[in-house]
Amino acid sequence: FALTKEEEVKAKDKELDKTMILDTVKHKDLLAKQAEKRGMEVPTQKE
């Protein structure tokens, strides 16, 4: 299976965007865990 150079660049950009979204989610989880360890109140959202 072979992509054109243009399609290959688009595919790499899409994978980068996906990685950035996942990293943002992980970062939020990490901040929440750190706040819990310090005894800080973690803001809760309505379910």
PDB file of all heavy atoms in Angstrom:
ATOM      1  N   PHE A   1       0.858  -1.179   0.000  1.00  0.00           N
ATOM      2  CA  PHE A   1       0.000   0.000   0.000  1.00  0.00           C
ATOM      3  C   PHE A   1       0.898   1.234   0.000  1.00  0.00           C
ATOM      4  O   PHE A   1       1.781   1.363   0.852  1.00  0.00           O
ATOM      5  CB  PHE A   1      -0.908   0.021   1.226  1.00  0.00           C
ATOM      6  CG  PHE A   1      -1.803   1.225   1.297  1.00  0.00           C
ATOM      7  CD1 PHE A   1      -2.917   1.330   0.484  1.00  0.00           C
ATOM      8  CD2 PHE A   1      -1.514   2.265   2.169  1.00  0.00           C
ATOM      9  CE1 PHE A   1      -3.732   2.445   0.537  1.00  0.00           C
ATOM     10  CE2 PHE A   1      -2.322   3.381   2.230  1.00  0.00           C
ATOM     11  CZ  PHE A   1      -3.445   3.473   1.409  1.00  0.00           C
ATOM     12  N   ALA A   2       0.674   2.121  -0.945  1.00  0.00           N
ATOM     13  CA  ALA A   2       1.555   3.290  -1.084  1.00  0.00           C
ATOM     14  C   ALA A   2       0.730   4.565  -1.199  1.00  0.00           C
ATOM     15  O   ALA A   2      -0.206   4.650  -1.996  1.00  0.00           O
ATOM     16  CB  ALA A   2       2.450   3.139  -2.308  1.00  0.00           C
ATOM     17  N   LEU A   3       1.071   5.558  -0.381  1.00  0.00           N
ATOM     18  CA  LEU A   3       0.451   6.875  -0.449  1.00  0.00           C
ATOM     19  C   LEU A   3       1.316   7.811  -1.285  1.00  0.00           C
ATOM     20  O   LEU A   3       2.518   7.591  -1.445  1.00  0.00           O
ATOM     21  CB  LEU A   3       0.304   7.469   0.957  1.00  0.00           C
ATOM     22  CG  LEU A   3      -0.659   6.793   1.929  1.00  0.00           C
ATOM     23  CD1 LEU A   3      -0.482   7.389   3.326  1.00  0.00           C
ATOM     24  CD2 LEU A   3      -2.094   6.954   1.474  1.00  0.00           C
ATOM     25  N   THR A   4       0.701   8.869  -1.808  1.00  0.00           N
ATOM     26  CA  THR A   4       1.487   9.916  -2.437  1.00  0.00           C
ATOM     27  C   THR A   4       2.187  10.713  -1.333  1.00  0.00           C
ATOM     28  O   THR A   4       1.825  10.617  -0.155  1.00  0.00           O
ATOM     29  CB  THR A   4       0.593  10.857  -3.259  1.00  0.00           C
ATOM     30  OG1 THR A   4      -0.336  11.497  -2.367  1.00  0.00           O
ATOM     31  CG2 THR A   4      -0.185  10.093  -4.320  1.00  0.00           C
ATOM     32  N   LYS A   5       3.169  11.518  -1.691  1.00  0.00           N
ATOM     33  CA  LYS A   5       3.891  12.319  -0.691  1.00  0.00           C
ATOM     34  C   LYS A   5       2.938  13.259   0.040  1.00  0.00           C
ATOM     35  O   LYS A   5       3.037  13.458   1.253  1.00  0.00           O
ATOM     36  CB  LYS A   5       5.007  13.114  -1.366  1.00  0.00           C
ATOM     37  CG  LYS A   5       6.188  12.254  -1.803  1.00  0.00           C
ATOM     38  CD  LYS A   5       7.310  13.102  -2.356  1.00  0.00           C
ATOM     39  CE  LYS A   5       8.510  12.238  -2.731  1.00  0.00           C
ATOM     40  NZ  LYS A   5       9.618  13.042  -3.291  1.00  0.00           N
ATOM     41  N   GLU A   6       1.994  13.852  -0.701  1.00  0.00           N
ATOM     42  CA  GLU A   6       1.033  14.776  -0.103  1.00  0.00           C
ATOM     43  C   GLU A   6       0.141  14.053   0.902  1.00  0.00           C
ATOM     44  O   GLU A   6      -0.107  14.544   2.008  1.00  0.00           O
ATOM     45  CB  GLU A   6       0.175  15.420  -1.195  1.00  0.00           C
ATOM     46  CG  GLU A   6      -0.815  16.444  -0.667  1.00  0.00           C
ATOM     47  CD  GLU A   6      -1.651  17.068  -1.767  1.00  0.00           C
ATOM     48  OE1 GLU A   6      -1.349  16.817  -2.957  1.00  0.00           O
ATOM     49  OE2 GLU A   6      -2.603  17.800  -1.440  1.00  0.00           O
ATOM     50  N   GLU A   7      -0.332  12.845   0.539  1.00  0.00           N
ATOM     51  CA  GLU A   7      -1.186  12.070   1.445  1.00  0.00           C
ATOM     52  C   GLU A   7      -0.409  11.626   2.680  1.00  0.00           C
ATOM     53  O   GLU A   7      -0.946  11.585   3.786  1.00  0.00           O
ATOM     54  CB  GLU A   7      -1.754  10.850   0.717  1.00  0.00           C
ATOM     55  CG  GLU A   7      -2.840  11.181  -0.292  1.00  0.00           C
ATOM     56  CD  GLU A   7      -3.309   9.952  -1.050  1.00  0.00           C
ATOM     57  OE1 GLU A   7      -2.447   9.124  -1.417  1.00  0.00           O
ATOM     58  OE2 GLU A   7      -4.511   9.813  -1.281  1.00  0.00           O
ATOM     59  N   GLU A   8       0.868  11.293   2.482  1.00  0.00           N
ATOM     60  CA  GLU A   8       1.696  10.851   3.602  1.00  0.00           C
ATOM     61  C   GLU A   8       1.887  11.978   4.618  1.00  0.00           C
ATOM     62  O   GLU A   8       1.826  11.757   5.832  1.00  0.00           O
ATOM     63  CB  GLU A   8       3.056  10.380   3.087  1.00  0.00           C
ATOM     64  CG  GLU A   8       3.890   9.674   4.133  1.00  0.00           C
ATOM     65  CD  GLU A   8       5.230   9.202   3.594  1.00  0.00           C
ATOM     66  OE1 GLU A   8       5.486   9.379   2.385  1.00  0.00           O
ATOM     67  OE2 GLU A   8       6.014   8.670   4.380  1.00  0.00           O
ATOM     68  N   VAL A   9       2.094  13.214   4.129  1.00  0.00           N
ATOM     69  CA  VAL A   9       2.246  14.368   5.025  1.00  0.00           C
ATOM     70  C   VAL A   9       0.962  14.609   5.803  1.00  0.00           C
ATOM     71  O   VAL A   9       0.979  14.850   7.008  1.00  0.00           O
ATOM     72  CB  VAL A   9       2.625  15.630   4.208  1.00  0.00           C
ATOM     73  CG1 VAL A   9       2.532  16.881   5.078  1.00  0.00           C
ATOM     74  CG2 VAL A   9       4.036  15.489   3.651  1.00  0.00           C
ATOM     75  N   LYS A  10      -0.196  14.527   5.130  1.00  0.00           N
ATOM     76  CA  LYS A  10      -1.489  14.720   5.800  1.00  0.00           C
ATOM     77  C   LYS A  10      -1.700  13.670   6.884  1.00  0.00           C
ATOM     78  O   LYS A  10      -2.195  13.967   7.969  1.00  0.00           O
ATOM     79  CB  LYS A  10      -2.624  14.643   4.778  1.00  0.00           C
ATOM     80  CG  LYS A  10      -2.776  15.877   3.916  1.00  0.00           C
ATOM     81  CD  LYS A  10      -3.984  15.751   3.004  1.00  0.00           C
ATOM     82  CE  LYS A  10      -4.176  16.995   2.155  1.00  0.00           C
ATOM     83  NZ  LYS A  10      -5.350  16.859   1.257  1.00  0.00           N
ATOM     84  N   ALA A  11      -1.336  12.402   6.571  1.00  0.00           N
ATOM     85  CA  ALA A  11      -1.506  11.312   7.537  1.00  0.00           C
ATOM     86  C   ALA A  11      -0.649  11.548   8.770  1.00  0.00           C
ATOM     87  O   ALA A  11      -1.094  11.327   9.904  1.00  0.00           O
ATOM     88  CB  ALA A  11      -1.149   9.976   6.879  1.00  0.00           C
ATOM     89  N   LYS A  12       0.595  12.022   8.579  1.00  0.00           N
ATOM     90  CA  LYS A  12       1.488  12.293   9.710  1.00  0.00           C
ATOM     91  C   LYS A  12       0.950  13.443  10.566  1.00  0.00           C
ATOM     92  O   LYS A  12       1.020  13.403  11.788  1.00  0.00           O
ATOM     93  CB  LYS A  12       2.900  12.616   9.206  1.00  0.00           C
ATOM     94  CG  LYS A  12       3.644  11.397   8.681  1.00  0.00           C
ATOM     95  CD  LYS A  12       5.038  11.761   8.213  1.00  0.00           C
ATOM     96  CE  LYS A  12       5.790  10.526   7.717  1.00  0.00           C
ATOM     97  NZ  LYS A  12       7.147  10.870   7.224  1.00  0.00           N
ATOM     98  N   ASP A  13       0.387  14.477   9.904  1.00  0.00           N
ATOM     99  CA  ASP A  13      -0.179  15.608  10.646  1.00  0.00           C
ATOM    100  C   ASP A  13      -1.373  15.157  11.478  1.00  0.00           C
ATOM    101  O   ASP A  13      -1.555  15.598  12.620  1.00  0.00           O
ATOM    102  CB  ASP A  13      -0.620  16.709   9.672  1.00  0.00           C
ATOM    103  CG  ASP A  13       0.566  17.448   9.064  1.00  0.00           C
ATOM    104  OD1 ASP A  13       1.681  17.327   9.618  1.00  0.00           O
ATOM    105  OD2 ASP A  13       0.382  18.126   8.040  1.00  0.00           O
ATOM    106  N   LYS A  14      -2.191  14.258  10.924  1.00  0.00           N
ATOM    107  CA  LYS A  14      -3.365  13.764  11.650  1.00  0.00           C
ATOM    108  C   LYS A  14      -2.943  12.946  12.866  1.00  0.00           C
ATOM    109  O   LYS A  14      -3.535  13.048  13.939  1.00  0.00           O
ATOM    110  CB  LYS A  14      -4.225  12.914  10.712  1.00  0.00           C
ATOM    111  CG  LYS A  14      -5.551  12.481  11.318  1.00  0.00           C
ATOM    112  CD  LYS A  14      -6.417  11.744  10.312  1.00  0.00           C
ATOM    113  CE  LYS A  14      -6.965  12.669   9.274  1.00  0.00           C
ATOM    114  NZ  LYS A  14      -7.940  12.000   8.390  1.00  0.00           N
ATOM    115  N   GLU A  15      -1.903  12.125  12.712  1.00  0.00           N
ATOM    116  CA  GLU A  15      -1.403  11.338  13.842  1.00  0.00           C
ATOM    117  C   GLU A  15      -0.850  12.257  14.934  1.00  0.00           C
ATOM    118  O   GLU A  15      -1.007  11.993  16.127  1.00  0.00           O
ATOM    119  CB  GLU A  15      -0.303  10.374  13.361  1.00  0.00           C
ATOM    120  CG  GLU A  15      -0.819   9.199  12.553  1.00  0.00           C
ATOM    121  CD  GLU A  15      -1.705   8.275  13.374  1.00  0.00           C
ATOM    122  OE1 GLU A  15      -1.456   8.119  14.585  1.00  0.00           O
ATOM    123  OE2 GLU A  15      -2.654   7.722  12.798  1.00  0.00           O
ATOM    124  N   LEU A  16      -0.194  13.367  14.529  1.00  0.00           N
ATOM    125  CA  LEU A  16       0.351  14.321  15.494  1.00  0.00           C
ATOM    126  C   LEU A  16      -0.779  14.981  16.284  1.00  0.00           C
ATOM    127  O   LEU A  16      -0.688  15.133  17.505  1.00  0.00           O
ATOM    128  CB  LEU A  16       1.183  15.376  14.767  1.00  0.00           C
ATOM    129  CG  LEU A  16       1.827  16.459  15.653  1.00  0.00           C
ATOM    130  CD1 LEU A  16       2.782  15.831  16.664  1.00  0.00           C
ATOM    131  CD2 LEU A  16       2.567  17.480  14.791  1.00  0.00           C
ATOM    132  N   ASP A  17      -1.855  15.361  15.587  1.00  0.00           N
ATOM    133  CA  ASP A  17      -3.010  15.967  16.262  1.00  0.00           C
ATOM    134  C   ASP A  17      -3.617  14.999  17.270  1.00  0.00           C
ATOM    135  O   ASP A  17      -3.984  15.390  18.380  1.00  0.00           O
ATOM    136  CB  ASP A  17      -4.074  16.374  15.239  1.00  0.00           C
ATOM    137  CG  ASP A  17      -3.644  17.556  14.387  1.00  0.00           C
ATOM    138  OD1 ASP A  17      -2.701  18.261  14.811  1.00  0.00           O
ATOM    139  OD2 ASP A  17      -4.221  17.760  13.313  1.00  0.00           O
ATOM    140  N   LYS A  18      -3.719  13.730  16.890  1.00  0.00           N
ATOM    141  CA  LYS A  18      -4.287  12.709  17.776  1.00  0.00           C
ATOM    142  C   LYS A  18      -3.422  12.550  19.029  1.00  0.00           C
ATOM    143  O   LYS A  18      -3.929  12.442  20.145  1.00  0.00           O
ATOM    144  CB  LYS A  18      -4.375  11.377  17.020  1.00  0.00           C
ATOM    145  CG  LYS A  18      -5.005  10.238  17.814  1.00  0.00           C
ATOM    146  CD  LYS A  18      -5.080   8.991  16.969  1.00  0.00           C
ATOM    147  CE  LYS A  18      -5.651   7.826  17.758  1.00  0.00           C
ATOM    148  NZ  LYS A  18      -5.691   6.572  16.936  1.00  0.00           N
ATOM    149  N   THR A  19      -2.093  12.542  18.834  1.00  0.00           N
ATOM    150  CA  THR A  19      -1.170  12.412  19.966  1.00  0.00           C
ATOM    151  C   THR A  19      -1.292  13.601  20.912  1.00  0.00           C
ATOM    152  O   THR A  19      -1.287  13.438  22.129  1.00  0.00           O
ATOM    153  CB  THR A  19       0.281  12.315  19.453  1.00  0.00           C
ATOM    154  OG1 THR A  19       0.391  11.182  18.576  1.00  0.00           O
ATOM    155  CG2 THR A  19       1.262  12.138  20.597  1.00  0.00           C
ATOM    156  N   MET A  20      -1.451  14.803  20.361  1.00  0.00           N
ATOM    157  CA  MET A  20      -1.574  16.008  21.183  1.00  0.00           C
ATOM    158  C   MET A  20      -2.849  15.965  22.029  1.00  0.00           C
ATOM    159  O   MET A  20      -2.856  16.358  23.193  1.00  0.00           O
ATOM    160  CB  MET A  20      -1.565  17.250  20.293  1.00  0.00           C
ATOM    161  CG  MET A  20      -0.207  17.544  19.667  1.00  0.00           C
ATOM    162  SD  MET A  20      -0.254  18.930  18.512  1.00  0.00           S
ATOM    163  CE  MET A  20      -0.594  20.277  19.631  1.00  0.00           C
ATOM    164  N   ILE A  21      -3.952  15.462  21.452  1.00  0.00           N
ATOM    165  CA  ILE A  21      -5.212  15.354  22.192  1.00  0.00           C
ATOM    166  C   ILE A  21      -5.061  14.374  23.343  1.00  0.00           C
ATOM    167  O   ILE A  21      -5.476  14.644  24.471  1.00  0.00           O
ATOM    168  CB  ILE A  21      -6.351  14.903  21.241  1.00  0.00           C
ATOM    169  CG1 ILE A  21      -6.677  16.027  20.256  1.00  0.00           C
ATOM    170  CG2 ILE A  21      -7.602  14.526  22.041  1.00  0.00           C
ATOM    171  CD1 ILE A  21      -7.601  15.616  19.140  1.00  0.00           C
ATOM    172  N   LEU A  22      -4.442  13.225  23.071  1.00  0.00           N
ATOM    173  CA  LEU A  22      -4.232  12.227  24.120  1.00  0.00           C
ATOM    174  C   LEU A  22      -3.324  12.761  25.219  1.00  0.00           C
ATOM    175  O   LEU A  22      -3.552  12.526  26.408  1.00  0.00           O
ATOM    176  CB  LEU A  22      -3.636  10.950  23.513  1.00  0.00           C
ATOM    177  CG  LEU A  22      -4.564  10.125  22.615  1.00  0.00           C
ATOM    178  CD1 LEU A  22      -3.792   8.981  21.971  1.00  0.00           C
ATOM    179  CD2 LEU A  22      -5.745   9.581  23.402  1.00  0.00           C
ATOM    180  N   ASP A  23      -2.272  13.503  24.834  1.00  0.00           N
ATOM    181  CA  ASP A  23      -1.352  14.078  25.814  1.00  0.00           C
ATOM    182  C   ASP A  23      -2.070  15.096  26.701  1.00  0.00           C
ATOM    183  O   ASP A  23      -1.791  15.200  27.900  1.00  0.00           O
ATOM    184  CB  ASP A  23      -0.171  14.754  25.109  1.00  0.00           C
ATOM    185  CG  ASP A  23       0.811  13.728  24.545  1.00  0.00           C
ATOM    186  OD1 ASP A  23       0.718  12.553  24.941  1.00  0.00           O
ATOM    187  OD2 ASP A  23       1.655  14.106  23.720  1.00  0.00           O
ATOM    188  N   THR A  24      -3.007  15.856  26.127  1.00  0.00           N
ATOM    189  CA  THR A  24      -3.771  16.836  26.907  1.00  0.00           C
ATOM    190  C   THR A  24      -4.628  16.141  27.954  1.00  0.00           C
ATOM    191  O   THR A  24      -4.711  16.580  29.107  1.00  0.00           O
ATOM    192  CB  THR A  24      -4.668  17.677  25.978  1.00  0.00           C
ATOM    193  OG1 THR A  24      -3.840  18.358  25.030  1.00  0.00           O
ATOM    194  CG2 THR A  24      -5.452  18.707  26.762  1.00  0.00           C
ATOM    195  N   VAL A  25      -5.269  15.042  27.570  1.00  0.00           N
ATOM    196  CA  VAL A  25      -6.101  14.272  28.506  1.00  0.00           C
ATOM    197  C   VAL A  25      -5.244  13.721  29.641  1.00  0.00           C
ATOM    198  O   VAL A  25      -5.606  13.794  30.818  1.00  0.00           O
ATOM    199  CB  VAL A  25      -6.828  13.128  27.769  1.00  0.00           C
ATOM    200  CG1 VAL A  25      -7.527  12.202  28.767  1.00  0.00           C
ATOM    201  CG2 VAL A  25      -7.846  13.680  26.781  1.00  0.00           C
ATOM    202  N   LYS A  26      -4.076  13.165  29.300  1.00  0.00           N
ATOM    203  CA  LYS A  26      -3.174  12.613  30.324  1.00  0.00           C
ATOM    204  C   LYS A  26      -2.684  13.709  31.267  1.00  0.00           C
ATOM    205  O   LYS A  26      -2.534  13.493  32.466  1.00  0.00           O
ATOM    206  CB  LYS A  26      -1.985  11.920  29.638  1.00  0.00           C
ATOM    207  CG  LYS A  26      -2.353  10.619  28.926  1.00  0.00           C
ATOM    208  CD  LYS A  26      -1.134  10.027  28.236  1.00  0.00           C
ATOM    209  CE  LYS A  26      -1.491   8.741  27.497  1.00  0.00           C
ATOM    210  NZ  LYS A  26      -0.326   8.192  26.770  1.00  0.00           N
ATOM    211  N   HIS A  27      -2.427  14.897  30.710  1.00  0.00           N
ATOM    212  CA  HIS A  27      -1.939  16.007  31.523  1.00  0.00           C
ATOM    213  C   HIS A  27      -2.996  16.430  32.549  1.00  0.00           C
ATOM    214  O   HIS A  27      -2.680  16.688  33.717  1.00  0.00           O
ATOM    215  CB  HIS A  27      -1.581  17.187  30.619  1.00  0.00           C
ATOM    216  CG  HIS A  27      -1.044  18.380  31.349  1.00  0.00           C
ATOM    217  ND1 HIS A  27       0.139  18.341  32.054  1.00  0.00           N
ATOM    218  CD2 HIS A  27      -1.534  19.635  31.500  1.00  0.00           C
ATOM    219  CE1 HIS A  27       0.361  19.529  32.595  1.00  0.00           C
ATOM    220  NE2 HIS A  27      -0.644  20.322  32.283  1.00  0.00           N
ATOM    221  N   LYS A  28      -4.256  16.480  32.137  1.00  0.00           N
ATOM    222  CA  LYS A  28      -5.343  16.837  33.046  1.00  0.00           C
ATOM    223  C   LYS A  28      -5.470  15.808  34.169  1.00  0.00           C
ATOM    224  O   LYS A  28      -5.670  16.162  35.332  1.00  0.00           O
ATOM    225  CB  LYS A  28      -6.659  16.948  32.277  1.00  0.00           C
ATOM    226  CG  LYS A  28      -6.759  18.190  31.393  1.00  0.00           C
ATOM    227  CD  LYS A  28      -8.077  18.244  30.676  1.00  0.00           C
ATOM    228  CE  LYS A  28      -8.191  19.504  29.825  1.00  0.00           C
ATOM    229  NZ  LYS A  28      -9.480  19.542  29.087  1.00  0.00           N
ATOM    230  N   ASP A  29      -5.342  14.530  33.806  1.00  0.00           N
ATOM    231  CA  ASP A  29      -5.407  13.472  34.821  1.00  0.00           C
ATOM    232  C   ASP A  29      -4.271  13.618  35.839  1.00  0.00           C
ATOM    233  O   ASP A  29      -4.466  13.439  37.041  1.00  0.00           O
ATOM    234  CB  ASP A  29      -5.332  12.094  34.154  1.00  0.00           C
ATOM    235  CG  ASP A  29      -6.619  11.737  33.426  1.00  0.00           C
ATOM    236  OD1 ASP A  29      -7.640  12.402  33.696  1.00  0.00           O
ATOM    237  OD2 ASP A  29      -6.594  10.816  32.592  1.00  0.00           O
ATOM    238  N   LEU A  30      -3.072  13.938  35.335  1.00  0.00           N
ATOM    239  CA  LEU A  30      -1.908  14.076  36.204  1.00  0.00           C
ATOM    240  C   LEU A  30      -2.080  15.246  37.174  1.00  0.00           C
ATOM    241  O   LEU A  30      -1.785  15.131  38.362  1.00  0.00           O
ATOM    242  CB  LEU A  30      -0.644  14.285  35.355  1.00  0.00           C
ATOM    243  CG  LEU A  30       0.673  14.447  36.116  1.00  0.00           C
ATOM    244  CD1 LEU A  30       0.968  13.205  36.953  1.00  0.00           C
ATOM    245  CD2 LEU A  30       1.823  14.706  35.146  1.00  0.00           C
ATOM    246  N   LEU A  31      -2.598  16.371  36.683  1.00  0.00           N
ATOM    247  CA  LEU A  31      -2.819  17.534  37.543  1.00  0.00           C
ATOM    248  C   LEU A  31      -3.840  17.223  38.629  1.00  0.00           C
ATOM    249  O   LEU A  31      -3.681  17.635  39.787  1.00  0.00           O
ATOM    250  CB  LEU A  31      -3.307  18.720  36.701  1.00  0.00           C
ATOM    251  CG  LEU A  31      -2.275  19.381  35.766  1.00  0.00           C
ATOM    252  CD1 LEU A  31      -2.928  20.493  34.955  1.00  0.00           C
ATOM    253  CD2 LEU A  31      -1.105  19.938  36.573  1.00  0.00           C
ATOM    254  N   ALA A  32      -4.887  16.476  38.265  1.00  0.00           N
ATOM    255  CA  ALA A  32      -5.912  16.120  39.250  1.00  0.00           C
ATOM    256  C   ALA A  32      -5.328  15.223  40.340  1.00  0.00           C
ATOM    257  O   ALA A  32      -5.609  15.404  41.531  1.00  0.00           O
ATOM    258  CB  ALA A  32      -7.075  15.427  38.554  1.00  0.00           C
ATOM    259  N   LYS A  33      -4.493  14.258  39.938  1.00  0.00           N
ATOM    260  CA  LYS A  33      -3.872  13.347  40.915  1.00  0.00           C
ATOM    261  C   LYS A  33      -2.916  14.103  41.840  1.00  0.00           C
ATOM    262  O   LYS A  33      -2.859  13.836  43.045  1.00  0.00           O
ATOM    263  CB  LYS A  33      -3.137  12.226  40.186  1.00  0.00           C
ATOM    264  CG  LYS A  33      -4.066  11.216  39.519  1.00  0.00           C
ATOM    265  CD  LYS A  33      -3.283  10.161  38.750  1.00  0.00           C
ATOM    266  CE  LYS A  33      -4.230   9.182  38.074  1.00  0.00           C
ATOM    267  NZ  LYS A  33      -3.486   8.185  37.268  1.00  0.00           N
ATOM    268  N   GLN A  34      -2.155  15.045  41.280  1.00  0.00           N
ATOM    269  CA  GLN A  34      -1.232  15.838  42.093  1.00  0.00           C
ATOM    270  C   GLN A  34      -1.992  16.697  43.103  1.00  0.00           C
ATOM    271  O   GLN A  34      -1.572  16.855  44.256  1.00  0.00           O
ATOM    272  CB  GLN A  34      -0.368  16.719  41.187  1.00  0.00           C
ATOM    273  CG  GLN A  34       0.678  15.953  40.404  1.00  0.00           C
ATOM    274  CD  GLN A  34       1.453  16.843  39.455  1.00  0.00           C
ATOM    275  OE1 GLN A  34       1.028  17.953  39.137  1.00  0.00           O
ATOM    276  NE2 GLN A  34       2.598  16.359  38.999  1.00  0.00           N
ATOM    277  N   ALA A  35      -3.129  17.255  42.686  1.00  0.00           N
ATOM    278  CA  ALA A  35      -3.937  18.078  43.587  1.00  0.00           C
ATOM    279  C   ALA A  35      -4.491  17.249  44.730  1.00  0.00           C
ATOM    280  O   ALA A  35      -4.548  17.688  45.881  1.00  0.00           O
ATOM    281  CB  ALA A  35      -5.075  18.737  42.802  1.00  0.00           C
ATOM    282  N   GLU A  36      -4.901  15.998  44.407  1.00  0.00           N
ATOM    283  CA  GLU A  36      -5.434  15.115  45.442  1.00  0.00           C
ATOM    284  C   GLU A  36      -4.364  14.794  46.490  1.00  0.00           C
ATOM    285  O   GLU A  36      -4.625  14.748  47.697  1.00  0.00           O
ATOM    286  CB  GLU A  36      -5.963  13.836  44.810  1.00  0.00           C
ATOM    287  CG  GLU A  36      -7.272  14.031  44.053  1.00  0.00           C
ATOM    288  CD  GLU A  36      -7.721  12.765  43.353  1.00  0.00           C
ATOM    289  OE1 GLU A  36      -7.000  11.753  43.459  1.00  0.00           O
ATOM    290  OE2 GLU A  36      -8.777  12.774  42.711  1.00  0.00           O
ATOM    291  N   LYS A  37      -3.125  14.555  46.018  1.00  0.00           N
ATOM    292  CA  LYS A  37      -2.035  14.226  46.932  1.00  0.00           C
ATOM    293  C   LYS A  37      -1.718  15.385  47.875  1.00  0.00           C
ATOM    294  O   LYS A  37      -1.321  15.202  49.014  1.00  0.00           O
ATOM    295  CB  LYS A  37      -0.772  13.848  46.137  1.00  0.00           C
ATOM    296  CG  LYS A  37      -0.866  12.474  45.491  1.00  0.00           C
ATOM    297  CD  LYS A  37       0.411  12.157  44.734  1.00  0.00           C
ATOM    298  CE  LYS A  37       0.332  10.778  44.081  1.00  0.00           C
ATOM    299  NZ  LYS A  37       1.565  10.470  43.317  1.00  0.00           N
ATOM    300  N   ARG A  38      -1.885  16.603  47.394  1.00  0.00           N
ATOM    301  CA  ARG A  38      -1.581  17.784  48.210  1.00  0.00           C
ATOM    302  C   ARG A  38      -2.760  18.188  49.102  1.00  0.00           C
ATOM    303  O   ARG A  38      -2.698  19.185  49.808  1.00  0.00           O
ATOM    304  CB  ARG A  38      -1.218  18.957  47.299  1.00  0.00           C
ATOM    305  CG  ARG A  38       0.088  18.739  46.533  1.00  0.00           C
ATOM    306  CD  ARG A  38       0.267  19.816  45.492  1.00  0.00           C
ATOM    307  NE  ARG A  38       1.435  19.559  44.654  1.00  0.00           N
ATOM    308  CZ  ARG A  38       1.694  20.216  43.525  1.00  0.00           C
ATOM    309  NH1 ARG A  38       0.866  21.157  43.102  1.00  0.00           N
ATOM    310  NH2 ARG A  38       2.768  19.940  42.811  1.00  0.00           N
ATOM    311  N   GLY A  39      -3.847  17.431  49.027  1.00  0.00           N
ATOM    312  CA  GLY A  39      -5.013  17.737  49.842  1.00  0.00           C
ATOM    313  C   GLY A  39      -5.825  18.889  49.304  1.00  0.00           C
ATOM    314  O   GLY A  39      -6.642  19.482  50.019  1.00  0.00           O
ATOM    315  N   MET A  40      -5.600  19.239  48.043  1.00  0.00           N
ATOM    316  CA  MET A  40      -6.350  20.328  47.442  1.00  0.00           C
ATOM    317  C   MET A  40      -7.688  19.818  46.949  1.00  0.00           C
ATOM    318  O   MET A  40      -7.840  18.656  46.601  1.00  0.00           O
ATOM    319  CB  MET A  40      -5.567  20.930  46.258  1.00  0.00           C
ATOM    320  CG  MET A  40      -4.238  21.560  46.653  1.00  0.00           C
ATOM    321  SD  MET A  40      -3.257  21.982  45.198  1.00  0.00           S
ATOM    322  CE  MET A  40      -4.324  23.149  44.377  1.00  0.00           C
ATOM    323  N   GLU A  41      -8.641  20.722  46.935  1.00  0.00           N
ATOM    324  CA  GLU A  41      -9.970  20.352  46.454  1.00  0.00           C
ATOM    325  C   GLU A  41      -9.958  20.386  44.926  1.00  0.00           C
ATOM    326  O   GLU A  41      -9.594  21.381  44.306  1.00  0.00           O
ATOM    327  CB  GLU A  41     -11.026  21.330  46.974  1.00  0.00           C
ATOM    328  CG  GLU A  41     -12.444  20.925  46.573  1.00  0.00           C
ATOM    329  CD  GLU A  41     -13.482  21.893  47.109  1.00  0.00           C
ATOM    330  OE1 GLU A  41     -13.118  22.722  47.966  1.00  0.00           O
ATOM    331  OE2 GLU A  41     -14.634  21.820  46.674  1.00  0.00           O
ATOM    332  N   VAL A  42     -10.342  19.289  44.336  1.00  0.00           N
ATOM    333  CA  VAL A  42     -10.382  19.200  42.877  1.00  0.00           C
ATOM    334  C   VAL A  42     -11.778  19.597  42.413  1.00  0.00           C
ATOM    335  O   VAL A  42     -12.765  19.018  42.858  1.00  0.00           O
ATOM    336  CB  VAL A  42     -10.069  17.765  42.403  1.00  0.00           C
ATOM    337  CG1 VAL A  42     -10.119  17.703  40.891  1.00  0.00           C
ATOM    338  CG2 VAL A  42      -8.705  17.338  42.921  1.00  0.00           C
ATOM    339  N   PRO A  43     -11.884  20.611  41.555  1.00  0.00           N
ATOM    340  CA  PRO A  43     -13.204  21.030  41.105  1.00  0.00           C
ATOM    341  C   PRO A  43     -13.925  19.876  40.417  1.00  0.00           C
ATOM    342  O   PRO A  43     -13.347  19.167  39.591  1.00  0.00           O
ATOM    343  CB  PRO A  43     -12.913  22.156  40.087  1.00  0.00           C
ATOM    344  CG  PRO A  43     -11.475  22.445  40.163  1.00  0.00           C
ATOM    345  CD  PRO A  43     -10.805  21.360  40.911  1.00  0.00           C
ATOM    346  N   THR A  44     -15.159  19.694  40.746  1.00  0.00           N
ATOM    347  CA  THR A  44     -15.945  18.626  40.132  1.00  0.00           C
ATOM    348  C   THR A  44     -16.989  19.232  39.213  1.00  0.00           C
ATOM    349  O   THR A  44     -17.547  20.294  39.485  1.00  0.00           O
ATOM    350  CB  THR A  44     -16.650  17.775  41.206  1.00  0.00           C
ATOM    351  OG1 THR A  44     -17.474  18.633  41.996  1.00  0.00           O
ATOM    352  CG2 THR A  44     -15.634  17.078  42.088  1.00  0.00           C
ATOM    353  N   GLN A  45     -17.228  18.531  38.122  1.00  0.00           N
ATOM    354  CA  GLN A  45     -18.235  18.970  37.167  1.00  0.00           C
ATOM    355  C   GLN A  45     -19.512  18.180  37.391  1.00  0.00           C
ATOM    356  O   GLN A  45     -19.487  17.070  37.918  1.00  0.00           O
ATOM    357  CB  GLN A  45     -17.741  18.757  35.736  1.00  0.00           C
ATOM    358  CG  GLN A  45     -16.539  19.613  35.386  1.00  0.00           C
ATOM    359  CD  GLN A  45     -16.107  19.378  33.952  1.00  0.00           C
ATOM    360  OE1 GLN A  45     -16.380  18.336  33.370  1.00  0.00           O
ATOM    361  NE2 GLN A  45     -15.438  20.354  33.383  1.00  0.00           N
ATOM    362  N   LYS A  46     -20.613  18.772  37.011  1.00  0.00           N
ATOM    363  CA  LYS A  46     -21.869  18.057  37.101  1.00  0.00           C
ATOM    364  C   LYS A  46     -21.817  16.850  36.180  1.00  0.00           C
ATOM    365  O   LYS A  46     -21.330  16.929  35.051  1.00  0.00           O
ATOM    366  CB  LYS A  46     -23.033  18.970  36.686  1.00  0.00           C
ATOM    367  CG  LYS A  46     -23.353  20.052  37.708  1.00  0.00           C
ATOM    368  CD  LYS A  46     -24.581  20.838  37.291  1.00  0.00           C
ATOM    369  CE  LYS A  46     -24.948  21.859  38.357  1.00  0.00           C
ATOM    370  NZ  LYS A  46     -26.170  22.618  37.974  1.00  0.00           N
ATOM    371  N   GLU A  47     -22.315  15.737  36.691  1.00  0.00           N
ATOM    372  CA  GLU A  47     -22.277  14.512  35.906  1.00  0.00           C
ATOM    373  C   GLU A  47     -23.244  14.602  34.731  1.00  0.00           C
ATOM    374  O   GLU A  47     -24.380  15.064  34.877  1.00  0.00           O
ATOM    375  CB  GLU A  47     -22.645  13.314  36.779  1.00  0.00           C
ATOM    376  CG  GLU A  47     -22.517  11.992  36.048  1.00  0.00           C
ATOM    377  CD  GLU A  47     -22.893  10.817  36.922  1.00  0.00           C
ATOM    378  OE1 GLU A  47     -23.462  11.055  38.007  1.00  0.00           O
ATOM    379  OE2 GLU A  47     -22.627   9.680  36.513  1.00  0.00           O
TER     380      GLU A  47
END
